[in-house]
Protein backbone atom coordinates (compact mmCIF):
# COMPACT_ATOMS: atom_id res chain seq x y z
CA MET A 1 61.56 -26.10 6.68
CA THR A 2 59.21 -24.86 9.40
CA GLU A 3 55.48 -25.59 9.02
CA TYR A 4 52.98 -23.01 10.24
CA GLU A 5 49.39 -23.20 11.33
CA GLU A 6 47.09 -20.21 11.04
CA VAL A 7 45.98 -18.66 14.35
CA LYS A 8 42.31 -17.81 14.26
CA GLY A 9 40.43 -15.52 16.61
CA ALA A 10 36.84 -15.84 17.67
CA SER A 11 34.18 -15.12 15.08
CA PHE A 12 31.18 -12.97 16.02
CA TRP A 13 27.74 -14.54 16.12
CA ASN A 14 25.24 -12.85 13.77
CA PRO A 15 21.95 -14.73 14.36
CA GLU A 16 18.54 -14.72 12.76
CA PRO A 17 15.41 -14.40 15.05
CA ASN A 18 14.82 -17.49 17.21
CA GLU A 19 18.30 -18.85 16.43
CA SER A 20 20.23 -20.25 19.41
CA ILE A 21 23.82 -20.97 20.20
CA GLU A 22 25.08 -23.25 22.99
CA GLY A 23 28.59 -23.53 24.35
CA VAL A 24 30.95 -23.16 27.27
CA LEU A 25 31.89 -19.67 28.41
CA THR A 26 35.69 -19.78 28.19
CA ARG A 27 36.69 -16.20 28.82
CA VAL A 28 35.82 -12.52 28.63
CA GLU A 29 37.85 -10.19 26.42
CA GLU A 30 37.86 -6.41 26.38
CA GLY A 31 36.43 -5.17 23.10
CA GLN A 32 36.11 -1.79 21.41
CA PHE A 33 32.57 -1.25 22.69
CA GLY A 34 32.69 -3.33 25.92
CA ASN A 35 33.45 -6.87 26.96
CA ASN A 36 33.05 -9.75 24.53
CA PHE A 37 32.07 -13.11 25.97
CA ILE A 38 33.81 -16.01 24.25
CA LEU A 39 31.98 -19.32 23.93
CA GLU A 40 33.54 -22.56 22.79
CA VAL A 41 31.06 -24.11 20.33
CA ASN A 42 32.02 -27.38 18.64
CA LYS A 43 35.74 -26.67 19.21
CA GLU A 44 35.43 -23.18 17.66
CA GLU A 45 35.38 -19.83 19.45
CA VAL A 46 32.41 -17.54 19.04
CA ALA A 47 32.29 -13.99 20.46
CA LEU A 48 29.08 -12.49 21.85
CA GLY A 49 29.05 -8.79 22.54
CA SER A 50 25.74 -6.91 22.50
CA THR A 51 24.73 -4.70 25.43
CA VAL A 52 21.90 -7.08 26.37
CA ILE A 53 24.24 -10.10 26.32
CA ARG A 54 26.88 -8.25 28.33
CA THR A 55 24.31 -7.39 30.99
CA LYS A 56 22.93 -10.97 31.19
CA LEU A 57 26.30 -12.77 31.13
CA LYS A 58 28.28 -10.47 33.43
CA ASN A 59 27.73 -12.64 36.53
CA VAL A 60 28.00 -16.02 34.79
CA ALA A 61 31.06 -18.05 35.84
CA ILE A 62 33.77 -18.99 33.33
CA GLY A 63 33.33 -22.69 32.52
CA SER A 64 29.52 -22.50 32.59
CA LYS A 65 27.52 -24.04 29.78
CA VAL A 66 25.19 -21.40 28.33
CA LYS A 67 22.49 -21.16 25.68
CA VAL A 68 21.74 -17.79 24.05
CA THR A 69 18.67 -17.29 21.86
CA TYR A 70 18.16 -14.24 19.70
CA LEU A 71 14.59 -13.03 20.21
CA GLY A 72 14.62 -10.39 17.49
CA GLU A 73 14.34 -6.61 17.68
CA VAL A 74 12.09 -5.02 20.30
CA LYS A 75 11.21 -1.45 21.14
CA GLY A 76 12.45 -0.25 24.51
CA LYS A 77 10.69 2.08 26.96
CA ASN A 78 12.49 5.05 25.42
CA GLY A 79 11.15 4.16 21.95
CA ARG A 80 14.49 2.94 20.60
CA THR A 81 14.79 -0.46 18.97
CA TYR A 82 17.37 -2.99 20.22
CA LYS A 83 18.23 -6.67 19.75
CA ASP A 84 16.95 -8.82 22.59
CA PHE A 85 18.38 -12.15 23.77
CA LYS A 86 17.34 -14.88 26.14
CA VAL A 87 20.32 -16.24 28.13
CA GLU A 88 20.14 -19.59 29.96
CA VAL A 89 22.80 -21.26 32.14
CA ALA A 90 23.01 -25.00 32.68
CA LYS A 91 22.25 -26.08 36.27
């Protein structure tokens, strides 16, 4: 009898304000609303995909260690509220 192992995809990160996540950027996948950046965190895959994260990670090399911190919601120049993130890359 053949044994099977479940194939799991990346789970999306849904942080609270001031919560951080650290991991290695392993790949970029095309998503429904734009690219999703996949981090390997403790041997699990986590997808990050907000507009702010896409803008800040677009020039980061695959294999880089990154830290992303959710700063909370802020009001933009146009008056609309959006989720802001701080993105850091290991030197």
